[in-house]
Amino acid sequence: MNKVKLNATGRVQGVGFRYTTFQLAKRLNIKGTVKNENNGSVTIFAQSDDKLSLQKFINEVRKSPSPYGRVDYLDVKIDNSPDFDDFKMIN
């Protein structure tokens, strides 16, 4: 399983970013979570057996899946969290 932790900063809250990230994850069969942070960023845990799907997901998040959003910086780190069964929006 390929796993990453993403943290997106920019115009990523109040613009449908979590919902469109959720839709993107479902379309690409990505498991994990997306959550708004108190500092205005969004944290995403993403997992997939398919490395290419995970890379496509990262690339699309970097471009902002929301047409009203803007990602100024996307921090990508390899992650070792437990496996997720589905993709969920938190808070």
N, C-alpha and C. Protein backbone atom coordinates (compact mmCIF):
# COMPACT_ATOMS: atom_id res chain seq x y z
N MET A 1 0.85 -1.19 0.00
CA MET A 1 0.00 0.00 0.00
C MET A 1 0.89 1.24 0.00
N ASN A 2 0.63 2.14 -0.91
CA ASN A 2 1.32 3.43 -0.99
C ASN A 2 0.55 4.44 -0.16
N LYS A 3 1.24 5.15 0.74
CA LYS A 3 0.57 6.06 1.67
C LYS A 3 1.29 7.39 1.73
N VAL A 4 0.51 8.48 1.71
CA VAL A 4 1.08 9.82 1.84
C VAL A 4 0.21 10.67 2.77
N LYS A 5 0.86 11.67 3.35
CA LYS A 5 0.16 12.70 4.12
C LYS A 5 0.41 14.01 3.38
N LEU A 6 -0.67 14.69 3.02
CA LEU A 6 -0.58 15.96 2.30
C LEU A 6 -1.09 17.08 3.19
N ASN A 7 -0.48 18.25 3.07
CA ASN A 7 -0.98 19.43 3.74
C ASN A 7 -1.01 20.55 2.71
N ALA A 8 -2.22 21.01 2.40
CA ALA A 8 -2.41 22.05 1.39
C ALA A 8 -2.66 23.39 2.05
N THR A 9 -1.95 24.41 1.59
CA THR A 9 -2.17 25.77 2.06
C THR A 9 -2.52 26.65 0.86
N GLY A 10 -3.22 27.73 1.14
CA GLY A 10 -3.69 28.64 0.09
C GLY A 10 -5.16 28.92 0.35
N ARG A 11 -5.94 29.06 -0.73
CA ARG A 11 -7.39 29.25 -0.58
C ARG A 11 -8.02 27.85 -0.63
N VAL A 12 -8.01 27.17 0.52
CA VAL A 12 -8.44 25.78 0.57
C VAL A 12 -9.57 25.52 1.56
N GLN A 13 -10.05 26.56 2.23
CA GLN A 13 -11.21 26.41 3.12
C GLN A 13 -12.30 27.37 2.68
N GLY A 14 -13.54 26.89 2.75
CA GLY A 14 -14.69 27.72 2.37
C GLY A 14 -14.91 27.81 0.88
N VAL A 15 -14.26 26.92 0.11
CA VAL A 15 -14.38 26.95 -1.36
C VAL A 15 -14.75 25.59 -1.94
N GLY A 16 -15.20 24.66 -1.09
CA GLY A 16 -15.57 23.33 -1.56
C GLY A 16 -14.39 22.40 -1.76
N PHE A 17 -13.25 22.75 -1.19
CA PHE A 17 -12.02 21.97 -1.40
C PHE A 17 -12.14 20.55 -0.85
N ARG A 18 -12.65 20.40 0.37
CA ARG A 18 -12.78 19.06 0.95
C ARG A 18 -13.72 18.20 0.13
N TYR A 19 -14.87 18.75 -0.27
CA TYR A 19 -15.84 17.98 -1.02
C TYR A 19 -15.29 17.54 -2.38
N THR A 20 -14.64 18.46 -3.09
CA THR A 20 -14.11 18.09 -4.40
C THR A 20 -12.92 17.13 -4.27
N THR A 21 -12.17 17.24 -3.17
CA THR A 21 -11.10 16.27 -2.91
C THR A 21 -11.71 14.90 -2.64
N PHE A 22 -12.81 14.86 -1.89
CA PHE A 22 -13.54 13.63 -1.62
C PHE A 22 -14.01 12.99 -2.93
N GLN A 23 -14.59 13.79 -3.83
CA GLN A 23 -15.06 13.27 -5.13
C GLN A 23 -13.89 12.73 -5.95
N LEU A 24 -12.78 13.45 -5.97
CA LEU A 24 -11.59 13.01 -6.69
C LEU A 24 -11.08 11.68 -6.14
N ALA A 25 -11.03 11.58 -4.82
CA ALA A 25 -10.56 10.34 -4.19
C ALA A 25 -11.46 9.16 -4.56
N LYS A 26 -12.76 9.37 -4.53
CA LYS A 26 -13.70 8.31 -4.90
C LYS A 26 -13.49 7.87 -6.35
N ARG A 27 -13.29 8.85 -7.24
CA ARG A 27 -13.11 8.56 -8.66
C ARG A 27 -11.83 7.75 -8.91
N LEU A 28 -10.78 8.03 -8.12
CA LEU A 28 -9.49 7.36 -8.33
C LEU A 28 -9.30 6.17 -7.39
N ASN A 29 -10.32 5.84 -6.61
CA ASN A 29 -10.26 4.72 -5.67
C ASN A 29 -9.16 4.91 -4.61
N ILE A 30 -9.08 6.12 -4.09
CA ILE A 30 -8.13 6.47 -3.04
C ILE A 30 -8.83 6.33 -1.69
N LYS A 31 -8.15 5.79 -0.72
CA LYS A 31 -8.67 5.66 0.64
C LYS A 31 -8.01 6.71 1.52
N GLY A 32 -8.69 7.14 2.59
CA GLY A 32 -8.07 8.08 3.52
C GLY A 32 -9.06 9.09 4.08
N THR A 33 -8.54 10.28 4.39
CA THR A 33 -9.36 11.34 4.98
C THR A 33 -8.93 12.70 4.46
N VAL A 34 -9.84 13.67 4.56
CA VAL A 34 -9.52 15.07 4.28
C VAL A 34 -10.13 15.89 5.42
N LYS A 35 -9.33 16.82 5.96
CA LYS A 35 -9.75 17.55 7.16
C LYS A 35 -9.26 18.99 7.12
N ASN A 36 -10.16 19.94 7.48
CA ASN A 36 -9.77 21.33 7.67
C ASN A 36 -8.98 21.45 8.97
N GLU A 37 -7.92 22.26 8.94
CA GLU A 37 -7.12 22.52 10.13
C GLU A 37 -7.41 23.93 10.64
N ASN A 38 -7.16 24.16 11.92
CA ASN A 38 -7.42 25.47 12.53
C ASN A 38 -6.58 26.59 11.92
N ASN A 39 -5.43 26.24 11.34
CA ASN A 39 -4.55 27.26 10.76
C ASN A 39 -4.93 27.65 9.33
N GLY A 40 -6.05 27.11 8.82
CA GLY A 40 -6.52 27.45 7.48
C GLY A 40 -6.06 26.49 6.40
N SER A 41 -5.24 25.53 6.75
CA SER A 41 -4.78 24.53 5.78
C SER A 41 -5.72 23.33 5.77
N VAL A 42 -5.47 22.40 4.87
CA VAL A 42 -6.23 21.14 4.79
C VAL A 42 -5.23 19.99 4.81
N THR A 43 -5.50 19.01 5.68
CA THR A 43 -4.66 17.82 5.76
C THR A 43 -5.38 16.64 5.12
N ILE A 44 -4.64 15.90 4.31
CA ILE A 44 -5.19 14.75 3.60
C ILE A 44 -4.29 13.55 3.85
N PHE A 45 -4.88 12.46 4.30
CA PHE A 45 -4.19 11.18 4.32
C PHE A 45 -4.72 10.40 3.14
N ALA A 46 -3.83 9.91 2.28
CA ALA A 46 -4.25 9.22 1.06
C ALA A 46 -3.47 7.92 0.90
N GLN A 47 -4.20 6.87 0.50
CA GLN A 47 -3.60 5.55 0.34
C GLN A 47 -4.17 4.87 -0.90
N SER A 48 -3.31 4.12 -1.58
CA SER A 48 -3.75 3.34 -2.73
C SER A 48 -2.75 2.24 -3.03
N ASP A 49 -3.24 1.12 -3.51
CA ASP A 49 -2.36 0.07 -3.99
C ASP A 49 -1.76 0.45 -5.34
N ASP A 50 -2.45 1.33 -6.05
CA ASP A 50 -2.02 1.76 -7.38
C ASP A 50 -1.22 3.06 -7.27
N LYS A 51 0.08 2.96 -7.47
CA LYS A 51 0.97 4.12 -7.32
C LYS A 51 0.62 5.23 -8.32
N LEU A 52 0.22 4.86 -9.54
CA LEU A 52 -0.12 5.86 -10.55
C LEU A 52 -1.38 6.64 -10.17
N SER A 53 -2.38 5.94 -9.61
CA SER A 53 -3.60 6.63 -9.15
C SER A 53 -3.27 7.61 -8.02
N LEU A 54 -2.40 7.19 -7.11
CA LEU A 54 -2.02 8.06 -6.00
C LEU A 54 -1.27 9.29 -6.52
N GLN A 55 -0.41 9.09 -7.51
CA GLN A 55 0.33 10.22 -8.08
C GLN A 55 -0.62 11.18 -8.80
N LYS A 56 -1.59 10.63 -9.52
CA LYS A 56 -2.59 11.47 -10.20
C LYS A 56 -3.39 12.26 -9.16
N PHE A 57 -3.76 11.62 -8.06
CA PHE A 57 -4.48 12.29 -6.98
C PHE A 57 -3.66 13.46 -6.44
N ILE A 58 -2.40 13.23 -6.15
CA ILE A 58 -1.51 14.29 -5.64
C ILE A 58 -1.43 15.44 -6.64
N ASN A 59 -1.25 15.12 -7.91
CA ASN A 59 -1.15 16.16 -8.94
C ASN A 59 -2.43 16.98 -9.04
N GLU A 60 -3.59 16.32 -8.94
CA GLU A 60 -4.87 17.04 -9.02
C GLU A 60 -5.11 17.89 -7.78
N VAL A 61 -4.73 17.40 -6.61
CA VAL A 61 -4.86 18.20 -5.39
C VAL A 61 -3.96 19.43 -5.50
N ARG A 62 -2.76 19.25 -6.03
CA ARG A 62 -1.83 20.37 -6.19
C ARG A 62 -2.43 21.48 -7.06
N LYS A 63 -3.25 21.10 -8.05
CA LYS A 63 -3.89 22.08 -8.94
C LYS A 63 -5.19 22.62 -8.35
N SER A 64 -5.64 22.07 -7.23
CA SER A 64 -6.90 22.36 -6.54
C SER A 64 -8.08 21.72 -7.28
N PRO A 65 -8.68 20.69 -6.67
CA PRO A 65 -9.85 20.08 -7.29
C PRO A 65 -11.07 21.01 -7.31
N SER A 66 -11.06 22.04 -6.46
CA SER A 66 -12.15 23.01 -6.42
C SER A 66 -11.85 24.16 -7.39
N PRO A 67 -12.80 24.50 -8.26
CA PRO A 67 -12.55 25.60 -9.19
C PRO A 67 -12.38 26.95 -8.48
N TYR A 68 -12.86 27.05 -7.24
CA TYR A 68 -12.75 28.30 -6.48
C TYR A 68 -11.56 28.30 -5.54
N GLY A 69 -10.86 27.17 -5.46
CA GLY A 69 -9.72 27.05 -4.57
C GLY A 69 -8.41 27.39 -5.27
N ARG A 70 -7.38 27.48 -4.45
CA ARG A 70 -6.04 27.72 -4.98
C ARG A 70 -5.06 27.10 -3.97
N VAL A 71 -4.20 26.23 -4.44
CA VAL A 71 -3.18 25.64 -3.58
C VAL A 71 -1.88 26.40 -3.83
N ASP A 72 -1.42 27.11 -2.81
CA ASP A 72 -0.16 27.83 -2.91
C ASP A 72 1.02 26.91 -2.62
N TYR A 73 0.81 25.96 -1.72
CA TYR A 73 1.88 25.03 -1.36
C TYR A 73 1.26 23.70 -0.93
N LEU A 74 1.82 22.61 -1.44
CA LEU A 74 1.37 21.28 -1.05
C LEU A 74 2.56 20.51 -0.50
N ASP A 75 2.51 20.24 0.80
CA ASP A 75 3.55 19.44 1.46
C ASP A 75 3.16 17.98 1.32
N VAL A 76 4.05 17.17 0.79
CA VAL A 76 3.80 15.75 0.56
C VAL A 76 4.83 14.95 1.34
N LYS A 77 4.35 14.07 2.21
CA LYS A 77 5.24 13.22 2.99
C LYS A 77 4.79 11.77 2.90
N ILE A 78 5.75 10.86 2.86
CA ILE A 78 5.44 9.44 2.95
C ILE A 78 4.83 9.20 4.33
N ASP A 79 3.82 8.35 4.39
CA ASP A 79 3.10 8.14 5.65
C ASP A 79 3.05 6.67 5.98
N ASN A 80 2.89 6.37 7.23
CA ASN A 80 2.79 4.98 7.68
C ASN A 80 1.59 4.80 8.60
N SER A 81 0.50 5.52 8.33
CA SER A 81 -0.70 5.40 9.16
C SER A 81 -1.38 4.06 8.88
N PRO A 82 -2.28 3.64 9.77
CA PRO A 82 -3.03 2.40 9.53
C PRO A 82 -3.84 2.50 8.24
N ASP A 83 -4.17 1.35 7.67
CA ASP A 83 -4.94 1.32 6.43
C ASP A 83 -6.36 1.85 6.66
N PHE A 84 -6.87 2.59 5.68
CA PHE A 84 -8.24 3.08 5.70
C PHE A 84 -9.10 2.17 4.83
N ASP A 85 -10.39 2.08 5.15
CA ASP A 85 -11.32 1.26 4.37
C ASP A 85 -12.03 2.06 3.28
N ASP A 86 -12.04 3.38 3.44
CA ASP A 86 -12.82 4.25 2.56
C ASP A 86 -12.19 5.64 2.59
N PHE A 87 -12.78 6.61 1.90
CA PHE A 87 -12.31 7.99 1.99
C PHE A 87 -13.39 8.80 2.68
N LYS A 88 -13.01 9.58 3.69
CA LYS A 88 -13.99 10.32 4.49
C LYS A 88 -13.58 11.76 4.67
N MET A 89 -14.59 12.63 4.76
CA MET A 89 -14.37 14.02 5.14
C MET A 89 -14.52 14.11 6.65
N ILE A 90 -13.58 14.78 7.30
CA ILE A 90 -13.62 14.98 8.74
C ILE A 90 -13.90 16.45 9.01
N ASN A 91 -14.70 16.74 10.01
CA ASN A 91 -15.15 18.08 10.46
C ASN A 91 -15.78 18.79 9.33
